[in-house]
Amino acid sequence: MIELSGIRDVKRIVRMMPPDAEAAAALGEWLEQADSLLDASALDLSQADLSGADLAMALLTQTVLRNAKLVGTDLYRAHLEGAVLDEADLSGASLVKAELDEASLRGATVNEADLGSTSLWAVDARSASFRAANLDGASLINVRLEGADLTNASVRETSLKAALDEHTVVRGLSGTLFGPATIDQAGTRREFNGPELEQWLNSRGANVRVLDPRLGDITYYAKFSEGYSRGNPQGIVRRRMVNGVAHDEAFTRNLRWEPTEYLRLYELGHNEVDHAEISEADAAAFMKNVTEKNG
């Protein structure tokens, strides 16, 4: 085993370099630069051992971390969108407020990890182990949990709009959550929610309460770039909060609200089009004007 560490920062640790030369070079450069964040986006860090390292706010978008060791690693607010963490060991890791949208965690070990307020949208976590993990406030939307182990995991106002099956272990799962969940029973998939979902989980050893859907405020925004303004926008978007989860939609040429990635990409710095908050009345006026022109 190779052990390397930064001189000035004991948390800047690489216990085992990955076989991939480009990835190893990126980690080596990070070790030498005490004040920099790790940027290993789209690199192959498979088999690397970064256990105990401080990777808070690291850029690991589309990074391959297959069979990597991240035991006790600090991944607070880390960007892991589209990352491949299949068979990785994240036991005891901190993933608080991390972004794991569209990541793959197939067969990963996430036991006793802290995923408080973590975003897991469209994540493939089949056969992953979340034993005694903290999932309080996490958003598990369109997550595949068939065969996953949630033994003694904690949920508190957690959105569990996930796919489960008869092999999903929920013994000791406790707290509160929002549905609905899609459950595969003997090859038949059906949506469960409310008391029915609660009964299905608790009959398998869980101790959870399924909460009623909670609608929040809707915030409207006007989009504008050169040639447009807040009062004369090129389009409008809205953010609806449902069960503590943001749902972003744009009013399209089809004269209806449709899902959009605009706000999320803007927050990540990937969209140059600006926007400003507007009132519901302003949004209604824009919709009326567009409908009259295109209706």
C-alpha atoms as a PDB file:
ATOM      1  CA  MET A   1       0.000   0.000   0.000  1.00  0.00           C
ATOM      2  CA  ILE A   2       1.248   3.474  -0.896  1.00  0.00           C
ATOM      3  CA  GLU A   3       0.616   6.164   1.687  1.00  0.00           C
ATOM      4  CA  LEU A   4       0.956   9.804   0.751  1.00  0.00           C
ATOM      5  CA  SER A   5      -0.104  12.879   2.638  1.00  0.00           C
ATOM      6  CA  GLY A   6       0.260  16.620   2.448  1.00  0.00           C
ATOM      7  CA  ILE A   7       2.677  18.160   4.901  1.00  0.00           C
ATOM      8  CA  ARG A   8       0.498  21.079   5.953  1.00  0.00           C
ATOM      9  CA  ASP A   9      -2.871  19.361   5.971  1.00  0.00           C
ATOM     10  CA  VAL A  10      -3.221  15.933   7.570  1.00  0.00           C
ATOM     11  CA  LYS A  11      -6.617  15.513   5.876  1.00  0.00           C
ATOM     12  CA  ARG A  12      -5.059  15.787   2.407  1.00  0.00           C
ATOM     13  CA  ILE A  13      -4.584  12.037   2.202  1.00  0.00           C
ATOM     14  CA  VAL A  14      -4.220   9.474  -0.567  1.00  0.00           C
ATOM     15  CA  ARG A  15      -3.617   6.044   0.915  1.00  0.00           C
ATOM     16  CA  MET A  16      -3.548   4.261  -2.427  1.00  0.00           C
ATOM     17  CA  MET A  17      -3.213   5.817  -5.868  1.00  0.00           C
ATOM     18  CA  PRO A  18      -5.503   4.625  -8.676  1.00  0.00           C
ATOM     19  CA  PRO A  19      -3.955   2.639 -11.552  1.00  0.00           C
ATOM     20  CA  ASP A  20      -4.998   5.331 -14.038  1.00  0.00           C
ATOM     21  CA  ALA A  21      -1.992   7.625 -14.655  1.00  0.00           C
ATOM     22  CA  GLU A  22      -4.000  10.786 -15.374  1.00  0.00           C
ATOM     23  CA  ALA A  23      -6.065  10.342 -12.223  1.00  0.00           C
ATOM     24  CA  ALA A  24      -2.952   9.658 -10.146  1.00  0.00           C
ATOM     25  CA  ALA A  25      -1.326  12.826 -11.499  1.00  0.00           C
ATOM     26  CA  ALA A  26      -4.385  14.891 -10.550  1.00  0.00           C
ATOM     27  CA  LEU A  27      -4.311  13.498  -7.023  1.00  0.00           C
ATOM     28  CA  GLY A  28      -0.573  14.145  -6.775  1.00  0.00           C
ATOM     29  CA  GLU A  29      -1.058  17.778  -7.793  1.00  0.00           C
ATOM     30  CA  TRP A  30      -3.858  18.136  -5.232  1.00  0.00           C
ATOM     31  CA  LEU A  31      -1.572  16.786  -2.516  1.00  0.00           C
ATOM     32  CA  GLU A  32       0.987  19.464  -3.269  1.00  0.00           C
ATOM     33  CA  GLN A  33      -1.447  22.397  -3.320  1.00  0.00           C
ATOM     34  CA  ALA A  34      -2.599  22.800   0.258  1.00  0.00           C
ATOM     35  CA  ASP A  35      -5.324  25.383  -0.420  1.00  0.00           C
ATOM     36  CA  SER A  36      -6.963  23.891  -3.520  1.00  0.00           C
ATOM     37  CA  LEU A  37     -10.124  21.821  -3.852  1.00  0.00           C
ATOM     38  CA  LEU A  38      -9.831  18.479  -5.566  1.00  0.00           C
ATOM     39  CA  ASP A  39     -11.043  18.598  -9.168  1.00  0.00           C
ATOM     40  CA  ALA A  40     -11.077  15.089 -10.585  1.00  0.00           C
ATOM     41  CA  SER A  41     -14.134  15.454 -12.793  1.00  0.00           C
ATOM     42  CA  ALA A  42     -14.486  12.680 -15.389  1.00  0.00           C
ATOM     43  CA  LEU A  43     -11.270  10.976 -14.268  1.00  0.00           C
ATOM     44  CA  ASP A  44     -10.922   7.298 -13.362  1.00  0.00           C
ATOM     45  CA  LEU A  45     -10.154   6.976  -9.650  1.00  0.00           C
ATOM     46  CA  SER A  46     -11.146   3.326  -9.506  1.00  0.00           C
ATOM     47  CA  GLN A  47      -9.447   1.408  -6.671  1.00  0.00           C
ATOM     48  CA  ALA A  48      -8.064   4.575  -5.089  1.00  0.00           C
ATOM     49  CA  ASP A  49      -8.044   4.713  -1.295  1.00  0.00           C
ATOM     50  CA  LEU A  50      -9.041   8.174  -0.090  1.00  0.00           C
ATOM     51  CA  SER A  51     -10.241   7.060   3.322  1.00  0.00           C
ATOM     52  CA  GLY A  52     -10.256   9.864   5.885  1.00  0.00           C
ATOM     53  CA  ALA A  53      -9.461  12.555   3.326  1.00  0.00           C
ATOM     54  CA  ASP A  54     -11.084  15.989   3.363  1.00  0.00           C
ATOM     55  CA  LEU A  55     -12.890  16.171   0.019  1.00  0.00           C
ATOM     56  CA  ALA A  56     -15.447  18.762   1.073  1.00  0.00           C
ATOM     57  CA  MET A  57     -16.835  20.557  -1.998  1.00  0.00           C
ATOM     58  CA  ALA A  58     -14.649  18.433  -4.290  1.00  0.00           C
ATOM     59  CA  LEU A  59     -15.514  18.356  -7.992  1.00  0.00           C
ATOM     60  CA  LEU A  60     -16.107  14.700  -8.810  1.00  0.00           C
ATOM     61  CA  THR A  61     -18.741  15.058 -11.513  1.00  0.00           C
ATOM     62  CA  GLN A  62     -18.803  11.934 -13.718  1.00  0.00           C
ATOM     63  CA  THR A  63     -15.744  10.641 -11.875  1.00  0.00           C
ATOM     64  CA  VAL A  64     -15.298   6.872 -11.833  1.00  0.00           C
ATOM     65  CA  LEU A  65     -14.741   5.654  -8.275  1.00  0.00           C
ATOM     66  CA  ARG A  66     -15.494   1.991  -8.825  1.00  0.00           C
ATOM     67  CA  ASN A  67     -14.160  -0.143  -5.941  1.00  0.00           C
ATOM     68  CA  ALA A  68     -12.691   2.972  -4.336  1.00  0.00           C
ATOM     69  CA  LYS A  69     -12.269   3.247  -0.564  1.00  0.00           C
ATOM     70  CA  LEU A  70     -13.790   6.378   0.938  1.00  0.00           C
ATOM     71  CA  VAL A  71     -14.144   5.184   4.522  1.00  0.00           C
ATOM     72  CA  GLY A  72     -14.727   8.145   6.830  1.00  0.00           C
ATOM     73  CA  THR A  73     -14.071  10.572   3.966  1.00  0.00           C
ATOM     74  CA  ASP A  74     -15.504  14.096   4.248  1.00  0.00           C
ATOM     75  CA  LEU A  75     -17.554  14.721   1.093  1.00  0.00           C
ATOM     76  CA  TYR A  76     -19.582  17.644   2.444  1.00  0.00           C
ATOM     77  CA  ARG A  77     -21.252  19.461  -0.471  1.00  0.00           C
ATOM     78  CA  ALA A  78     -19.137  17.478  -2.923  1.00  0.00           C
ATOM     79  CA  HIS A  79     -20.276  17.370  -6.544  1.00  0.00           C
ATOM     80  CA  LEU A  80     -20.712  13.719  -7.505  1.00  0.00           C
ATOM     81  CA  GLU A  81     -23.302  14.136 -10.258  1.00  0.00           C
ATOM     82  CA  GLY A  82     -23.055  11.188 -12.632  1.00  0.00           C
ATOM     83  CA  ALA A  83     -20.219   9.620 -10.632  1.00  0.00           C
ATOM     84  CA  VAL A  84     -19.733   5.844 -10.737  1.00  0.00           C
ATOM     85  CA  LEU A  85     -19.363   4.512  -7.189  1.00  0.00           C
ATOM     86  CA  ASP A  86     -20.209   0.877  -7.859  1.00  0.00           C
ATOM     87  CA  GLU A  87     -18.809  -1.421  -5.150  1.00  0.00           C
ATOM     88  CA  ALA A  88     -17.157   1.585  -3.453  1.00  0.00           C
ATOM     89  CA  ASP A  89     -16.815   1.626   0.344  1.00  0.00           C
ATOM     90  CA  LEU A  90     -18.211   4.849   1.831  1.00  0.00           C
ATOM     91  CA  SER A  91     -18.669   3.508   5.355  1.00  0.00           C
ATOM     92  CA  GLY A  92     -18.833   6.348   7.862  1.00  0.00           C
ATOM     93  CA  ALA A  93     -18.369   8.978   5.150  1.00  0.00           C
ATOM     94  CA  SER A  94     -19.940  12.429   5.436  1.00  0.00           C
ATOM     95  CA  LEU A  95     -22.041  13.192   2.386  1.00  0.00           C
ATOM     96  CA  VAL A  96     -24.053  15.998   3.949  1.00  0.00           C
ATOM     97  CA  LYS A  97     -25.611  18.195   1.248  1.00  0.00           C
ATOM     98  CA  ALA A  98     -23.615  16.386  -1.443  1.00  0.00           C
ATOM     99  CA  GLU A  99     -24.963  16.267  -5.010  1.00  0.00           C
ATOM    100  CA  LEU A 100     -25.248  12.679  -6.231  1.00  0.00           C
ATOM    101  CA  ASP A 101     -27.809  13.156  -8.996  1.00  0.00           C
ATOM    102  CA  GLU A 102     -27.628  10.418 -11.662  1.00  0.00           C
ATOM    103  CA  ALA A 103     -24.761   8.700  -9.837  1.00  0.00           C
ATOM    104  CA  SER A 104     -24.392   4.928  -9.689  1.00  0.00           C
ATOM    105  CA  LEU A 105     -24.002   3.245  -6.291  1.00  0.00           C
ATOM    106  CA  ARG A 106     -24.639  -0.337  -7.334  1.00  0.00           C
ATOM    107  CA  GLY A 107     -23.330  -2.672  -4.661  1.00  0.00           C
ATOM    108  CA  ALA A 108     -21.745   0.214  -2.747  1.00  0.00           C
ATOM    109  CA  THR A 109     -21.273   0.103   1.032  1.00  0.00           C
ATOM    110  CA  VAL A 110     -22.638   3.273   2.629  1.00  0.00           C
ATOM    111  CA  ASN A 111     -23.030   1.934   6.159  1.00  0.00           C
ATOM    112  CA  GLU A 112     -23.190   4.502   8.974  1.00  0.00           C
ATOM    113  CA  ALA A 113     -22.627   7.293   6.465  1.00  0.00           C
ATOM    114  CA  ASP A 114     -24.216  10.714   6.939  1.00  0.00           C
ATOM    115  CA  LEU A 115     -26.372  11.636   3.940  1.00  0.00           C
ATOM    116  CA  GLY A 116     -28.294  14.422   5.658  1.00  0.00           C
ATOM    117  CA  SER A 117     -29.964  16.717   3.101  1.00  0.00           C
ATOM    118  CA  THR A 118     -28.164  14.910   0.279  1.00  0.00           C
ATOM    119  CA  SER A 119     -29.607  15.070  -3.241  1.00  0.00           C
ATOM    120  CA  LEU A 120     -29.949  11.630  -4.843  1.00  0.00           C
ATOM    121  CA  TRP A 121     -32.014  12.038  -7.992  1.00  0.00           C
ATOM    122  CA  ALA A 122     -32.148   9.182 -10.514  1.00  0.00           C
ATOM    123  CA  VAL A 123     -29.461   7.276  -8.591  1.00  0.00           C
ATOM    124  CA  ASP A 124     -28.966   3.546  -9.199  1.00  0.00           C
ATOM    125  CA  ALA A 125     -28.380   2.078  -5.727  1.00  0.00           C
ATOM    126  CA  ARG A 126     -29.423  -1.491  -6.391  1.00  0.00           C
ATOM    127  CA  SER A 127     -27.928  -3.921  -3.853  1.00  0.00           C
ATOM    128  CA  ALA A 128     -26.212  -1.045  -2.009  1.00  0.00           C
ATOM    129  CA  SER A 129     -25.928  -1.194   1.774  1.00  0.00           C
ATOM    130  CA  PHE A 130     -27.118   1.784   3.823  1.00  0.00           C
ATOM    131  CA  ARG A 131     -27.088   0.029   7.208  1.00  0.00           C
ATOM    132  CA  ALA A 132     -27.430   2.572  10.052  1.00  0.00           C
ATOM    133  CA  ALA A 133     -26.990   5.447   7.567  1.00  0.00           C
ATOM    134  CA  ASN A 134     -28.437   8.880   8.292  1.00  0.00           C
ATOM    135  CA  LEU A 135     -30.841   9.821   5.497  1.00  0.00           C
ATOM    136  CA  ASP A 136     -32.568  12.658   7.349  1.00  0.00           C
ATOM    137  CA  GLY A 137     -33.828  15.289   4.928  1.00  0.00           C
ATOM    138  CA  ALA A 138     -32.327  13.491   1.941  1.00  0.00           C
ATOM    139  CA  SER A 139     -34.071  13.491  -1.443  1.00  0.00           C
ATOM    140  CA  LEU A 140     -34.211  10.007  -2.915  1.00  0.00           C
ATOM    141  CA  ILE A 141     -36.186  10.784  -6.059  1.00  0.00           C
ATOM    142  CA  ASN A 142     -36.399   8.157  -8.814  1.00  0.00           C
ATOM    143  CA  VAL A 143     -33.795   6.118  -6.930  1.00  0.00           C
ATOM    144  CA  ARG A 144     -33.479   2.385  -7.538  1.00  0.00           C
ATOM    145  CA  LEU A 145     -33.249   0.529  -4.216  1.00  0.00           C
ATOM    146  CA  GLU A 146     -34.096  -2.983  -5.325  1.00  0.00           C
ATOM    147  CA  GLY A 147     -32.093  -5.361  -3.164  1.00  0.00           C
ATOM    148  CA  ALA A 148     -30.669  -2.512  -1.069  1.00  0.00           C
ATOM    149  CA  ASP A 149     -30.150  -2.867   2.683  1.00  0.00           C
ATOM    150  CA  LEU A 150     -31.636  -0.037   4.795  1.00  0.00           C
ATOM    151  CA  THR A 151     -31.315  -1.858   8.128  1.00  0.00           C
ATOM    152  CA  ASN A 152     -31.468   0.604  11.044  1.00  0.00           C
ATOM    153  CA  ALA A 153     -31.188   3.603   8.725  1.00  0.00           C
ATOM    154  CA  SER A 154     -32.697   6.901   9.878  1.00  0.00           C
ATOM    155  CA  VAL A 155     -35.161   9.007   7.897  1.00  0.00           C
ATOM    156  CA  ARG A 156     -36.680  12.334   8.905  1.00  0.00           C
ATOM    157  CA  GLU A 157     -38.899  14.089   6.385  1.00  0.00           C
ATOM    158  CA  THR A 158     -36.995  12.125   3.757  1.00  0.00           C
ATOM    159  CA  SER A 159     -38.396  11.928   0.228  1.00  0.00           C
ATOM    160  CA  LEU A 160     -38.393   8.236  -0.657  1.00  0.00           C
ATOM    161  CA  LYS A 161     -39.865   8.286  -4.152  1.00  0.00           C
ATOM    162  CA  ALA A 162     -37.880   5.183  -4.908  1.00  0.00           C
ATOM    163  CA  ALA A 163     -38.194   1.759  -6.486  1.00  0.00           C
ATOM    164  CA  LEU A 164     -38.171  -1.057  -3.926  1.00  0.00           C
ATOM    165  CA  ASP A 165     -38.746  -4.782  -4.158  1.00  0.00           C
ATOM    166  CA  GLU A 166     -39.185  -7.786  -1.892  1.00  0.00           C
ATOM    167  CA  HIS A 167     -35.411  -8.025  -1.508  1.00  0.00           C
ATOM    168  CA  THR A 168     -35.075  -4.473  -0.158  1.00  0.00           C
ATOM    169  CA  VAL A 169     -34.274  -4.805   3.567  1.00  0.00           C
ATOM    170  CA  VAL A 170     -36.000  -2.188   5.753  1.00  0.00           C
ATOM    171  CA  ARG A 171     -35.718  -3.846   9.177  1.00  0.00           C
ATOM    172  CA  GLY A 172     -35.107  -1.136  11.794  1.00  0.00           C
ATOM    173  CA  LEU A 173     -35.619   1.728   9.316  1.00  0.00           C
ATOM    174  CA  SER A 174     -37.119   4.487  11.453  1.00  0.00           C
ATOM    175  CA  GLY A 175     -38.464   8.026  11.231  1.00  0.00           C
ATOM    176  CA  THR A 176     -40.700   9.888   8.800  1.00  0.00           C
ATOM    177  CA  LEU A 177     -40.765   9.991   5.035  1.00  0.00           C
ATOM    178  CA  PHE A 178     -42.705  11.109   2.002  1.00  0.00           C
ATOM    179  CA  GLY A 179     -43.810   8.737  -0.744  1.00  0.00           C
ATOM    180  CA  PRO A 180     -44.873   7.450  -3.095  1.00  0.00           C
ATOM    181  CA  ALA A 181     -42.650   4.439  -3.660  1.00  0.00           C
ATOM    182  CA  THR A 182     -42.897   1.949  -6.498  1.00  0.00           C
ATOM    183  CA  ILE A 183     -42.720  -1.614  -5.240  1.00  0.00           C
ATOM    184  CA  ASP A 184     -42.025  -4.707  -7.324  1.00  0.00           C
ATOM    185  CA  GLN A 185     -43.800  -7.752  -5.941  1.00  0.00           C
ATOM    186  CA  ALA A 186     -43.410 -10.996  -7.857  1.00  0.00           C
ATOM    187  CA  GLY A 187     -42.728  -9.074 -11.062  1.00  0.00           C
ATOM    188  CA  THR A 188     -45.678  -6.716 -10.662  1.00  0.00           C
ATOM    189  CA  ARG A 189     -44.819  -3.069 -10.068  1.00  0.00           C
ATOM    190  CA  ARG A 190     -47.276  -0.848  -8.227  1.00  0.00           C
ATOM    191  CA  GLU A 191     -47.149   2.555  -6.550  1.00  0.00           C
ATOM    192  CA  PHE A 192     -47.672   2.636  -2.788  1.00  0.00           C
ATOM    193  CA  ASN A 193     -48.270   5.767  -0.719  1.00  0.00           C
ATOM    194  CA  GLY A 194     -49.734   6.923   2.578  1.00  0.00           C
ATOM    195  CA  PRO A 195     -50.995   4.250   4.984  1.00  0.00           C
ATOM    196  CA  GLU A 196     -50.464   1.508   2.386  1.00  0.00           C
ATOM    197  CA  LEU A 197     -46.766   2.314   2.003  1.00  0.00           C
ATOM    198  CA  GLU A 198     -46.430   2.688   5.768  1.00  0.00           C
ATOM    199  CA  GLN A 199     -47.986  -0.731   6.307  1.00  0.00           C
ATOM    200  CA  TRP A 200     -45.767  -2.367   3.668  1.00  0.00           C
ATOM    201  CA  LEU A 201     -42.592  -1.001   5.268  1.00  0.00           C
ATOM    202  CA  ASN A 202     -43.591  -1.623   8.885  1.00  0.00           C
ATOM    203  CA  SER A 203     -44.713  -5.171   8.157  1.00  0.00           C
ATOM    204  CA  ARG A 204     -41.099  -5.816   7.183  1.00  0.00           C
ATOM    205  CA  GLY A 205     -39.633  -4.536  10.448  1.00  0.00           C
ATOM    206  CA  ALA A 206     -39.489  -0.785   9.826  1.00  0.00           C
ATOM    207  CA  ASN A 207     -40.878   1.788  12.239  1.00  0.00           C
ATOM    208  CA  VAL A 208     -41.775   4.702   9.998  1.00  0.00           C
ATOM    209  CA  ARG A 209     -44.599   7.135   9.462  1.00  0.00           C
ATOM    210  CA  VAL A 210     -45.452   8.180   5.915  1.00  0.00           C
ATOM    211  CA  LEU A 211     -46.312  11.864   5.858  1.00  0.00           C
ATOM    212  CA  ASP A 212     -48.969  13.547   3.771  1.00  0.00           C
ATOM    213  CA  PRO A 213     -47.660  15.516   0.774  1.00  0.00           C
ATOM    214  CA  ARG A 214     -46.609  19.006   1.756  1.00  0.00           C
ATOM    215  CA  LEU A 215     -46.800  21.748  -0.806  1.00  0.00           C
ATOM    216  CA  GLY A 216     -44.613  24.778  -0.399  1.00  0.00           C
ATOM    217  CA  ASP A 217     -44.330  28.154  -2.054  1.00  0.00           C
ATOM    218  CA  ILE A 218     -43.905  28.580  -5.786  1.00  0.00           C
ATOM    219  CA  THR A 219     -41.241  31.055  -6.860  1.00  0.00           C
ATOM    220  CA  TYR A 220     -41.333  32.517 -10.383  1.00  0.00           C
ATOM    221  CA  TYR A 221     -38.351  33.842 -12.348  1.00  0.00           C
ATOM    222  CA  ALA A 222     -37.984  35.810 -15.562  1.00  0.00           C
ATOM    223  CA  LYS A 223     -35.130  34.729 -17.849  1.00  0.00           C
ATOM    224  CA  PHE A 224     -33.303  37.356 -19.844  1.00  0.00           C
ATOM    225  CA  SER A 225     -30.074  37.836 -21.770  1.00  0.00           C
ATOM    226  CA  GLU A 226     -28.946  40.560 -24.170  1.00  0.00           C
ATOM    227  CA  GLY A 227     -31.959  42.255 -25.727  1.00  0.00           C
ATOM    228  CA  TYR A 228     -34.323  41.191 -22.989  1.00  0.00           C
ATOM    229  CA  SER A 229     -35.141  42.478 -19.501  1.00  0.00           C
ATOM    230  CA  ARG A 230     -37.015  41.550 -16.364  1.00  0.00           C
ATOM    231  CA  GLY A 231     -40.080  43.330 -17.706  1.00  0.00           C
ATOM    232  CA  ASN A 232     -39.666  41.812 -21.167  1.00  0.00           C
ATOM    233  CA  PRO A 233     -38.229  38.342 -20.533  1.00  0.00           C
ATOM    234  CA  GLN A 234     -37.391  35.702 -23.097  1.00  0.00           C
ATOM    235  CA  GLY A 235     -39.048  33.105 -20.899  1.00  0.00           C
ATOM    236  CA  ILE A 236     -40.150  32.264 -17.372  1.00  0.00           C
ATOM    237  CA  VAL A 237     -39.412  29.390 -15.009  1.00  0.00           C
ATOM    238  CA  ARG A 238     -40.795  28.422 -11.647  1.00  0.00           C
ATOM    239  CA  ARG A 239     -39.577  26.403  -8.675  1.00  0.00           C
ATOM    240  CA  ARG A 240     -42.170  24.402  -6.762  1.00  0.00           C
ATOM    241  CA  MET A 241     -41.260  22.918  -3.401  1.00  0.00           C
ATOM    242  CA  VAL A 242     -42.935  19.566  -2.789  1.00  0.00           C
ATOM    243  CA  ASN A 243     -42.043  17.564   0.313  1.00  0.00           C
ATOM    244  CA  GLY A 244     -38.967  19.740   0.674  1.00  0.00           C
ATOM    245  CA  VAL A 245     -37.797  18.878  -2.857  1.00  0.00           C
ATOM    246  CA  ALA A 246     -37.390  21.492  -5.603  1.00  0.00           C
ATOM    247  CA  HIS A 247     -39.220  20.855  -8.878  1.00  0.00           C
ATOM    248  CA  ASP A 248     -38.196  23.281 -11.633  1.00  0.00           C
ATOM    249  CA  GLU A 249     -40.395  23.935 -14.655  1.00  0.00           C
ATOM    250  CA  ALA A 250     -40.400  26.289 -17.633  1.00  0.00           C
ATOM    251  CA  PHE A 251     -43.422  27.644 -19.486  1.00  0.00           C
ATOM    252  CA  THR A 252     -42.727  26.372 -22.992  1.00  0.00           C
ATOM    253  CA  ARG A 253     -43.897  26.987 -26.545  1.00  0.00           C
ATOM    254  CA  ASN A 254     -46.241  24.061 -25.959  1.00  0.00           C
ATOM    255  CA  LEU A 255     -48.127  26.478 -23.663  1.00  0.00           C
ATOM    256  CA  ARG A 256     -47.641  24.368 -20.566  1.00  0.00           C
ATOM    257  CA  TRP A 257     -45.226  23.946 -17.672  1.00  0.00           C
ATOM    258  CA  GLU A 258     -42.556  21.360 -18.432  1.00  0.00           C
ATOM    259  CA  PRO A 259     -39.478  20.174 -16.433  1.00  0.00           C
ATOM    260  CA  THR A 260     -36.308  22.224 -16.878  1.00  0.00           C
ATOM    261  CA  GLU A 261     -32.701  21.964 -15.718  1.00  0.00           C
ATOM    262  CA  TYR A 262     -32.140  25.728 -16.129  1.00  0.00           C
ATOM    263  CA  LEU A 263     -32.049  26.708 -12.440  1.00  0.00           C
ATOM    264  CA  ARG A 264     -29.888  23.762 -11.406  1.00  0.00           C
ATOM    265  CA  LEU A 265     -27.386  24.414 -14.207  1.00  0.00           C
ATOM    266  CA  TYR A 266     -27.347  28.120 -13.337  1.00  0.00           C
ATOM    267  CA  GLU A 267     -26.539  27.273  -9.717  1.00  0.00           C
ATOM    268  CA  LEU A 268     -23.653  25.125 -10.947  1.00  0.00           C
ATOM    269  CA  GLY A 269     -22.356  27.978 -13.110  1.00  0.00           C
ATOM    270  CA  HIS A 270     -23.172  26.273 -16.412  1.00  0.00           C
ATOM    271  CA  ASN A 271     -25.739  28.762 -17.753  1.00  0.00           C
ATOM    272  CA  GLU A 272     -25.008  32.319 -18.866  1.00  0.00           C
ATOM    273  CA  VAL A 273     -28.654  33.353 -19.193  1.00  0.00           C
ATOM    274  CA  ASP A 274     -29.594  35.499 -16.191  1.00  0.00           C
ATOM    275  CA  HIS A 275     -32.859  35.583 -14.282  1.00  0.00           C
ATOM    276  CA  ALA A 276     -34.705  37.591 -11.650  1.00  0.00           C
ATOM    277  CA  GLU A 277     -37.576  36.773  -9.340  1.00  0.00           C
ATOM    278  CA  ILE A 278     -41.004  38.018 -10.443  1.00  0.00           C
ATOM    279  CA  SER A 279     -44.471  37.933  -8.926  1.00  0.00           C
ATOM    280  CA  GLU A 280     -47.173  35.407  -9.719  1.00  0.00           C
ATOM    281  CA  ALA A 281     -49.114  38.202 -11.416  1.00  0.00           C
ATOM    282  CA  ASP A 282     -46.139  38.991 -13.688  1.00  0.00           C
ATOM    283  CA  ALA A 283     -45.850  35.318 -14.545  1.00  0.00           C
ATOM    284  CA  ALA A 284     -49.570  35.118 -15.331  1.00  0.00           C
ATOM    285  CA  ALA A 285     -49.317  38.173 -17.606  1.00  0.00           C
ATOM    286  CA  PHE A 286     -46.413  36.615 -19.513  1.00  0.00           C
ATOM    287  CA  MET A 287     -48.292  33.325 -19.906  1.00  0.00           C
ATOM    288  CA  LYS A 288     -51.366  35.168 -21.172  1.00  0.00           C
ATOM    289  CA  ASN A 289     -49.324  37.119 -23.698  1.00  0.00           C
ATOM    290  CA  VAL A 290     -47.541  33.997 -25.007  1.00  0.00           C
ATOM    291  CA  THR A 291     -50.814  32.060 -25.186  1.00  0.00           C
ATOM    292  CA  GLU A 292     -52.499  34.832 -27.192  1.00  0.00           C
ATOM    293  CA  LYS A 293     -49.605  34.942 -29.655  1.00  0.00           C
ATOM    294  CA  ASN A 294     -49.252  31.187 -30.072  1.00  0.00           C
ATOM    295  CA  GLY A 295     -52.649  29.837 -29.112  1.00  0.00           C
END
